[in-house]
Amino acid sequence: MLTCKELVALSSDLLDSQLGLREKLAVRRHLLLCRHCRRFIRQMRLTQATLRRLPENREAGLDLLAARLAELRRDHSRR
């Protein structure tokens, strides 16, 4: 049986549908028994789906977001 650490190592291949049959069955068996790993995979799928929905040209928006977050962090550290 897979450990949680082994499942995490296989998670990218799982999400990209690149596991062989034996690995896929081992992952499914582990997920049936481990609620923490089920939550982890669910969060990974949600993250993957969110990233797919981002616009293609997002560099300018990311720069603005990074600047705003840095500003908020400076303001927060001054308190």
PDB file of N, CA and C in Angstrom:
ATOM      1  N   MET A   1       0.838  -1.190   0.000  1.00  0.00           N
ATOM      2  CA  MET A   1       0.000   0.000   0.000  1.00  0.00           C
ATOM      3  C   MET A   1       0.876   1.243   0.000  1.00  0.00           C
ATOM      4  N   LEU A   2       0.441   2.255  -0.741  1.00  0.00           N
ATOM      5  CA  LEU A   2       1.166   3.512  -0.819  1.00  0.00           C
ATOM      6  C   LEU A   2       1.115   4.255   0.508  1.00  0.00           C
ATOM      7  N   THR A   3       2.184   4.979   0.804  1.00  0.00           N
ATOM      8  CA  THR A   3       2.159   5.911   1.925  1.00  0.00           C
ATOM      9  C   THR A   3       1.648   7.252   1.403  1.00  0.00           C
ATOM     10  N   CYS A   4       1.325   8.140   2.306  1.00  0.00           N
ATOM     11  CA  CYS A   4       0.872   9.471   1.911  1.00  0.00           C
ATOM     12  C   CYS A   4       1.975  10.190   1.134  1.00  0.00           C
ATOM     13  N   LYS A   5       3.201  10.034   1.571  1.00  0.00           N
ATOM     14  CA  LYS A   5       4.335  10.666   0.893  1.00  0.00           C
ATOM     15  C   LYS A   5       4.471  10.153  -0.541  1.00  0.00           C
ATOM     16  N   GLU A   6       4.275   8.873  -0.743  1.00  0.00           N
ATOM     17  CA  GLU A   6       4.346   8.297  -2.088  1.00  0.00           C
ATOM     18  C   GLU A   6       3.203   8.809  -2.962  1.00  0.00           C
ATOM     19  N   LEU A   7       2.018   8.953  -2.356  1.00  0.00           N
ATOM     20  CA  LEU A   7       0.883   9.474  -3.111  1.00  0.00           C
ATOM     21  C   LEU A   7       1.153  10.903  -3.566  1.00  0.00           C
ATOM     22  N   VAL A   8       1.702  11.718  -2.689  1.00  0.00           N
ATOM     23  CA  VAL A   8       2.019  13.101  -3.056  1.00  0.00           C
ATOM     24  C   VAL A   8       3.008  13.115  -4.220  1.00  0.00           C
ATOM     25  N   ALA A   9       3.996  12.225  -4.182  1.00  0.00           N
ATOM     26  CA  ALA A   9       4.984  12.159  -5.258  1.00  0.00           C
ATOM     27  C   ALA A   9       4.342  11.776  -6.596  1.00  0.00           C
ATOM     28  N   LEU A  10       3.268  11.002  -6.550  1.00  0.00           N
ATOM     29  CA  LEU A  10       2.583  10.570  -7.772  1.00  0.00           C
ATOM     30  C   LEU A  10       1.450  11.511  -8.189  1.00  0.00           C
ATOM     31  N   SER A  11       1.162  12.510  -7.369  1.00  0.00           N
ATOM     32  CA  SER A  11      -0.036  13.325  -7.592  1.00  0.00           C
ATOM     33  C   SER A  11      -0.030  14.060  -8.931  1.00  0.00           C
ATOM     34  N   SER A  12       1.105  14.584  -9.358  1.00  0.00           N
ATOM     35  CA  SER A  12       1.138  15.288 -10.647  1.00  0.00           C
ATOM     36  C   SER A  12       0.826  14.345 -11.797  1.00  0.00           C
ATOM     37  N   ASP A  13       1.419  13.160 -11.756  1.00  0.00           N
ATOM     38  CA  ASP A  13       1.127  12.175 -12.803  1.00  0.00           C
ATOM     39  C   ASP A  13      -0.332  11.743 -12.753  1.00  0.00           C
ATOM     40  N   LEU A  14      -0.885  11.636 -11.561  1.00  0.00           N
ATOM     41  CA  LEU A  14      -2.300  11.286 -11.427  1.00  0.00           C
ATOM     42  C   LEU A  14      -3.171  12.352 -12.080  1.00  0.00           C
ATOM     43  N   LEU A  15      -2.901  13.611 -11.756  1.00  0.00           N
ATOM     44  CA  LEU A  15      -3.714  14.703 -12.292  1.00  0.00           C
ATOM     45  C   LEU A  15      -3.543  14.872 -13.793  1.00  0.00           C
ATOM     46  N   ASP A  16      -2.397  14.472 -14.311  1.00  0.00           N
ATOM     47  CA  ASP A  16      -2.152  14.552 -15.752  1.00  0.00           C
ATOM     48  C   ASP A  16      -2.510  13.253 -16.477  1.00  0.00           C
ATOM     49  N   SER A  17      -3.128  12.324 -15.767  1.00  0.00           N
ATOM     50  CA  SER A  17      -3.542  11.026 -16.322  1.00  0.00           C
ATOM     51  C   SER A  17      -2.370  10.275 -16.946  1.00  0.00           C
ATOM     52  N   GLN A  18      -1.251  10.237 -16.240  1.00  0.00           N
ATOM     53  CA  GLN A  18      -0.061   9.589 -16.771  1.00  0.00           C
ATOM     54  C   GLN A  18       0.416   8.422 -15.912  1.00  0.00           C
ATOM     55  N   LEU A  19      -0.475   7.864 -15.111  1.00  0.00           N
ATOM     56  CA  LEU A  19      -0.112   6.711 -14.294  1.00  0.00           C
ATOM     57  C   LEU A  19      -0.431   5.419 -15.037  1.00  0.00           C
ATOM     58  N   GLY A  20       0.385   4.418 -14.801  1.00  0.00           N
ATOM     59  CA  GLY A  20       0.097   3.097 -15.321  1.00  0.00           C
ATOM     60  C   GLY A  20      -1.028   2.466 -14.511  1.00  0.00           C
ATOM     61  N   LEU A  21      -1.542   1.347 -14.978  1.00  0.00           N
ATOM     62  CA  LEU A  21      -2.674   0.696 -14.319  1.00  0.00           C
ATOM     63  C   LEU A  21      -2.356   0.331 -12.874  1.00  0.00           C
ATOM     64  N   ARG A  22      -1.199  -0.258 -12.629  1.00  0.00           N
ATOM     65  CA  ARG A  22      -0.840  -0.681 -11.270  1.00  0.00           C
ATOM     66  C   ARG A  22      -0.751   0.523 -10.325  1.00  0.00           C
ATOM     67  N   GLU A  23      -0.116   1.599 -10.774  1.00  0.00           N
ATOM     68  CA  GLU A  23      -0.009   2.796  -9.942  1.00  0.00           C
ATOM     69  C   GLU A  23      -1.372   3.427  -9.708  1.00  0.00           C
ATOM     70  N   LYS A  24      -2.177   3.474 -10.765  1.00  0.00           N
ATOM     71  CA  LYS A  24      -3.516   4.052 -10.649  1.00  0.00           C
ATOM     72  C   LYS A  24      -4.358   3.300  -9.621  1.00  0.00           C
ATOM     73  N   LEU A  25      -4.285   1.975  -9.643  1.00  0.00           N
ATOM     74  CA  LEU A  25      -5.035   1.179  -8.670  1.00  0.00           C
ATOM     75  C   LEU A  25      -4.511   1.399  -7.260  1.00  0.00           C
ATOM     76  N   ALA A  26      -3.200   1.514  -7.100  1.00  0.00           N
ATOM     77  CA  ALA A  26      -2.617   1.757  -5.785  1.00  0.00           C
ATOM     78  C   ALA A  26      -3.050   3.118  -5.240  1.00  0.00           C
ATOM     79  N   VAL A  27      -3.073   4.111  -6.114  1.00  0.00           N
ATOM     80  CA  VAL A  27      -3.506   5.445  -5.704  1.00  0.00           C
ATOM     81  C   VAL A  27      -4.978   5.415  -5.307  1.00  0.00           C
ATOM     82  N   ARG A  28      -5.806   4.789  -6.111  1.00  0.00           N
ATOM     83  CA  ARG A  28      -7.245   4.725  -5.791  1.00  0.00           C
ATOM     84  C   ARG A  28      -7.487   4.018  -4.468  1.00  0.00           C
ATOM     85  N   ARG A  29      -6.753   2.941  -4.232  1.00  0.00           N
ATOM     86  CA  ARG A  29      -6.916   2.211  -2.964  1.00  0.00           C
ATOM     87  C   ARG A  29      -6.517   3.102  -1.788  1.00  0.00           C
ATOM     88  N   HIS A  30      -5.419   3.809  -1.939  1.00  0.00           N
ATOM     89  CA  HIS A  30      -4.983   4.705  -0.867  1.00  0.00           C
ATOM     90  C   HIS A  30      -6.037   5.792  -0.623  1.00  0.00           C
ATOM     91  N   LEU A  31      -6.565   6.369  -1.704  1.00  0.00           N
ATOM     92  CA  LEU A  31      -7.555   7.433  -1.557  1.00  0.00           C
ATOM     93  C   LEU A  31      -8.847   6.946  -0.903  1.00  0.00           C
ATOM     94  N   LEU A  32      -9.182   5.688  -1.112  1.00  0.00           N
ATOM     95  CA  LEU A  32     -10.367   5.133  -0.449  1.00  0.00           C
ATOM     96  C   LEU A  32     -10.200   5.110   1.067  1.00  0.00           C
ATOM     97  N   LEU A  33      -8.963   4.964   1.508  1.00  0.00           N
ATOM     98  CA  LEU A  33      -8.696   4.799   2.934  1.00  0.00           C
ATOM     99  C   LEU A  33      -8.201   6.060   3.634  1.00  0.00           C
ATOM    100  N   CYS A  34      -7.759   7.056   2.888  1.00  0.00           N
ATOM    101  CA  CYS A  34      -7.110   8.219   3.497  1.00  0.00           C
ATOM    102  C   CYS A  34      -7.838   9.514   3.145  1.00  0.00           C
ATOM    103  N   ARG A  35      -8.559  10.046   4.086  1.00  0.00           N
ATOM    104  CA  ARG A  35      -9.320  11.272   3.828  1.00  0.00           C
ATOM    105  C   ARG A  35      -8.416  12.484   3.637  1.00  0.00           C
ATOM    106  N   HIS A  36      -7.237  12.474   4.277  1.00  0.00           N
ATOM    107  CA  HIS A  36      -6.315  13.602   4.121  1.00  0.00           C
ATOM    108  C   HIS A  36      -5.796  13.684   2.686  1.00  0.00           C
ATOM    109  N   CYS A  37      -5.464  12.550   2.116  1.00  0.00           N
ATOM    110  CA  CYS A  37      -4.987  12.540   0.729  1.00  0.00           C
ATOM    111  C   CYS A  37      -6.127  12.836  -0.242  1.00  0.00           C
ATOM    112  N   ARG A  38      -7.341  12.414   0.077  1.00  0.00           N
ATOM    113  CA  ARG A  38      -8.488  12.772  -0.766  1.00  0.00           C
ATOM    114  C   ARG A  38      -8.641  14.290  -0.793  1.00  0.00           C
ATOM    115  N   ARG A  39      -8.510  14.925   0.371  1.00  0.00           N
ATOM    116  CA  ARG A  39      -8.604  16.381   0.448  1.00  0.00           C
ATOM    117  C   ARG A  39      -7.467  17.028  -0.345  1.00  0.00           C
ATOM    118  N   PHE A  40      -6.261  16.481  -0.210  1.00  0.00           N
ATOM    119  CA  PHE A  40      -5.110  17.018  -0.942  1.00  0.00           C
ATOM    120  C   PHE A  40      -5.345  16.961  -2.453  1.00  0.00           C
ATOM    121  N   ILE A  41      -5.789  15.813  -2.953  1.00  0.00           N
ATOM    122  CA  ILE A  41      -6.034  15.654  -4.397  1.00  0.00           C
ATOM    123  C   ILE A  41      -7.165  16.574  -4.847  1.00  0.00           C
ATOM    124  N   ARG A  42      -8.198  16.704  -4.035  1.00  0.00           N
ATOM    125  CA  ARG A  42      -9.303  17.610  -4.371  1.00  0.00           C
ATOM    126  C   ARG A  42      -8.787  19.046  -4.491  1.00  0.00           C
ATOM    127  N   GLN A  43      -7.930  19.471  -3.557  1.00  0.00           N
ATOM    128  CA  GLN A  43      -7.370  20.817  -3.605  1.00  0.00           C
ATOM    129  C   GLN A  43      -6.464  20.991  -4.826  1.00  0.00           C
ATOM    130  N   MET A  44      -5.698  19.968  -5.154  1.00  0.00           N
ATOM    131  CA  MET A  44      -4.838  20.029  -6.331  1.00  0.00           C
ATOM    132  C   MET A  44      -5.676  20.155  -7.604  1.00  0.00           C
ATOM    133  N   ARG A  45      -6.768  19.409  -7.688  1.00  0.00           N
ATOM    134  CA  ARG A  45      -7.647  19.506  -8.860  1.00  0.00           C
ATOM    135  C   ARG A  45      -8.271  20.887  -8.974  1.00  0.00           C
ATOM    136  N   LEU A  46      -8.676  21.439  -7.837  1.00  0.00           N
ATOM    137  CA  LEU A  46      -9.256  22.782  -7.833  1.00  0.00           C
ATOM    138  C   LEU A  46      -8.220  23.812  -8.274  1.00  0.00           C
ATOM    139  N   THR A  47      -6.999  23.690  -7.783  1.00  0.00           N
ATOM    140  CA  THR A  47      -5.920  24.599  -8.185  1.00  0.00           C
ATOM    141  C   THR A  47      -5.657  24.488  -9.680  1.00  0.00           C
ATOM    142  N   GLN A  48      -5.601  23.266 -10.176  1.00  0.00           N
ATOM    143  CA  GLN A  48      -5.361  23.034 -11.599  1.00  0.00           C
ATOM    144  C   GLN A  48      -6.475  23.673 -12.439  1.00  0.00           C
ATOM    145  N   ALA A  49      -7.719  23.489 -12.022  1.00  0.00           N
ATOM    146  CA  ALA A  49      -8.851  24.056 -12.760  1.00  0.00           C
ATOM    147  C   ALA A  49      -8.819  25.582 -12.719  1.00  0.00           C
ATOM    148  N   THR A  50      -8.444  26.148 -11.580  1.00  0.00           N
ATOM    149  CA  THR A  50      -8.363  27.605 -11.440  1.00  0.00           C
ATOM    150  C   THR A  50      -7.281  28.168 -12.353  1.00  0.00           C
ATOM    151  N   LEU A  51      -6.128  27.523 -12.378  1.00  0.00           N
ATOM    152  CA  LEU A  51      -5.032  27.995 -13.226  1.00  0.00           C
ATOM    153  C   LEU A  51      -5.388  27.926 -14.702  1.00  0.00           C
ATOM    154  N   ARG A  52      -6.155  26.926 -15.083  1.00  0.00           N
ATOM    155  CA  ARG A  52      -6.574  26.818 -16.486  1.00  0.00           C
ATOM    156  C   ARG A  52      -7.495  27.958 -16.904  1.00  0.00           C
ATOM    157  N   ARG A  53      -8.208  28.534 -15.949  1.00  0.00           N
ATOM    158  CA  ARG A  53      -9.154  29.599 -16.260  1.00  0.00           C
ATOM    159  C   ARG A  53      -8.518  30.984 -16.295  1.00  0.00           C
ATOM    160  N   LEU A  54      -7.264  31.086 -15.866  1.00  0.00           N
ATOM    161  CA  LEU A  54      -6.597  32.386 -15.901  1.00  0.00           C
ATOM    162  C   LEU A  54      -6.379  32.816 -17.344  1.00  0.00           C
ATOM    163  N   PRO A  55      -6.443  34.114 -17.594  1.00  0.00           N
ATOM    164  CA  PRO A  55      -6.193  34.585 -18.957  1.00  0.00           C
ATOM    165  C   PRO A  55      -4.755  34.307 -19.381  1.00  0.00           C
ATOM    166  N   GLU A  56      -4.555  34.169 -20.668  1.00  0.00           N
ATOM    167  CA  GLU A  56      -3.233  33.852 -21.208  1.00  0.00           C
ATOM    168  C   GLU A  56      -2.204  34.933 -20.886  1.00  0.00           C
ATOM    169  N   ASN A  57      -2.558  36.200 -21.107  1.00  0.00           N
ATOM    170  CA  ASN A  57      -1.630  37.297 -20.868  1.00  0.00           C
ATOM    171  C   ASN A  57      -1.858  37.846 -19.463  1.00  0.00           C
ATOM    172  N   ARG A  58      -1.279  37.197 -18.496  1.00  0.00           N
ATOM    173  CA  ARG A  58      -1.531  37.579 -17.114  1.00  0.00           C
ATOM    174  C   ARG A  58      -0.324  38.220 -16.437  1.00  0.00           C
ATOM    175  N   GLU A  59       0.766  38.441 -17.160  1.00  0.00           N
ATOM    176  CA  GLU A  59       1.973  38.997 -16.551  1.00  0.00           C
ATOM    177  C   GLU A  59       1.738  40.390 -15.986  1.00  0.00           C
ATOM    178  N   ALA A  60       1.068  41.245 -16.717  1.00  0.00           N
ATOM    179  CA  ALA A  60       0.824  42.606 -16.236  1.00  0.00           C
ATOM    180  C   ALA A  60      -0.027  42.578 -14.974  1.00  0.00           C
ATOM    181  N   GLY A  61      -1.043  41.760 -14.973  1.00  0.00           N
ATOM    182  CA  GLY A  61      -1.895  41.636 -13.796  1.00  0.00           C
ATOM    183  C   GLY A  61      -1.150  41.075 -12.601  1.00  0.00           C
ATOM    184  N   LEU A  62      -0.237  40.149 -12.854  1.00  0.00           N
ATOM    185  CA  LEU A  62       0.545  39.574 -11.769  1.00  0.00           C
ATOM    186  C   LEU A  62       1.497  40.604 -11.172  1.00  0.00           C
ATOM    187  N   ASP A  63       2.076  41.449 -12.011  1.00  0.00           N
ATOM    188  CA  ASP A  63       2.951  42.503 -11.504  1.00  0.00           C
ATOM    189  C   ASP A  63       2.182  43.464 -10.608  1.00  0.00           C
ATOM    190  N   LEU A  64       0.987  43.844 -11.042  1.00  0.00           N
ATOM    191  CA  LEU A  64       0.155  44.735 -10.223  1.00  0.00           C
ATOM    192  C   LEU A  64      -0.233  44.066  -8.910  1.00  0.00           C
ATOM    193  N   LEU A  65      -0.589  42.799  -8.975  1.00  0.00           N
ATOM    194  CA  LEU A  65      -0.953  42.060  -7.772  1.00  0.00           C
ATOM    195  C   LEU A  65       0.238  41.955  -6.821  1.00  0.00           C
ATOM    196  N   ALA A  66       1.408  41.639  -7.347  1.00  0.00           N
ATOM    197  CA  ALA A  66       2.609  41.526  -6.513  1.00  0.00           C
ATOM    198  C   ALA A  66       2.918  42.861  -5.836  1.00  0.00           C
ATOM    199  N   ALA A  67       2.793  43.957  -6.568  1.00  0.00           N
ATOM    200  CA  ALA A  67       3.046  45.280  -5.989  1.00  0.00           C
ATOM    201  C   ALA A  67       2.047  45.594  -4.887  1.00  0.00           C
ATOM    202  N   ARG A  68       0.798  45.261  -5.125  1.00  0.00           N
ATOM    203  CA  ARG A  68      -0.249  45.519  -4.119  1.00  0.00           C
ATOM    204  C   ARG A  68      -0.029  44.672  -2.871  1.00  0.00           C
ATOM    205  N   LEU A  69       0.333  43.413  -3.047  1.00  0.00           N
ATOM    206  CA  LEU A  69       0.595  42.547  -1.895  1.00  0.00           C
ATOM    207  C   LEU A  69       1.799  43.039  -1.106  1.00  0.00           C
ATOM    208  N   ALA A  70       2.847  43.492  -1.795  1.00  0.00           N
ATOM    209  CA  ALA A  70       4.026  44.040  -1.112  1.00  0.00           C
ATOM    210  C   ALA A  70       3.650  45.279  -0.306  1.00  0.00           C
ATOM    211  N   GLU A  71       2.807  46.110  -0.887  1.00  0.00           N
ATOM    212  CA  GLU A  71       2.347  47.313  -0.189  1.00  0.00           C
ATOM    213  C   GLU A  71       1.555  46.954   1.062  1.00  0.00           C
ATOM    214  N   LEU A  72       0.653  46.006   0.929  1.00  0.00           N
ATOM    215  CA  LEU A  72      -0.141  45.568   2.081  1.00  0.00           C
ATOM    216  C   LEU A  72       0.760  44.972   3.176  1.00  0.00           C
ATOM    217  N   ARG A  73       1.765  44.228   2.756  1.00  0.00           N
ATOM    218  CA  ARG A  73       2.682  43.622   3.731  1.00  0.00           C
ATOM    219  C   ARG A  73       3.476  44.709   4.469  1.00  0.00           C
ATOM    220  N   ARG A  74       3.932  45.720   3.733  1.00  0.00           N
ATOM    221  CA  ARG A  74       4.655  46.835   4.383  1.00  0.00           C
ATOM    222  C   ARG A  74       3.741  47.556   5.375  1.00  0.00           C
ATOM    223  N   ASP A  75       2.501  47.827   4.953  1.00  0.00           N
ATOM    224  CA  ASP A  75       1.549  48.498   5.839  1.00  0.00           C
ATOM    225  C   ASP A  75       1.287  47.663   7.090  1.00  0.00           C
ATOM    226  N   HIS A  76       1.155  46.375   6.908  1.00  0.00           N
ATOM    227  CA  HIS A  76       0.868  45.484   8.038  1.00  0.00           C
ATOM    228  C   HIS A  76       2.055  45.409   8.995  1.00  0.00           C
ATOM    229  N   SER A  77       3.280  45.400   8.475  1.00  0.00           N
ATOM    230  CA  SER A  77       4.461  45.289   9.341  1.00  0.00           C
ATOM    231  C   SER A  77       4.721  46.576  10.110  1.00  0.00           C
ATOM    232  N   ARG A  78       4.198  47.695   9.657  1.00  0.00           N
ATOM    233  CA  ARG A  78       4.373  48.987  10.350  1.00  0.00           C
ATOM    234  C   ARG A  78       3.480  49.091  11.585  1.00  0.00           C
ATOM    235  N   ARG A  79       2.479  48.278  11.649  1.00  0.00           N
ATOM    236  CA  ARG A  79       1.519  48.364  12.777  1.00  0.00           C
ATOM    237  C   ARG A  79       2.097  47.847  14.050  1.00  0.00           C
TER     238      ARG A  79
END
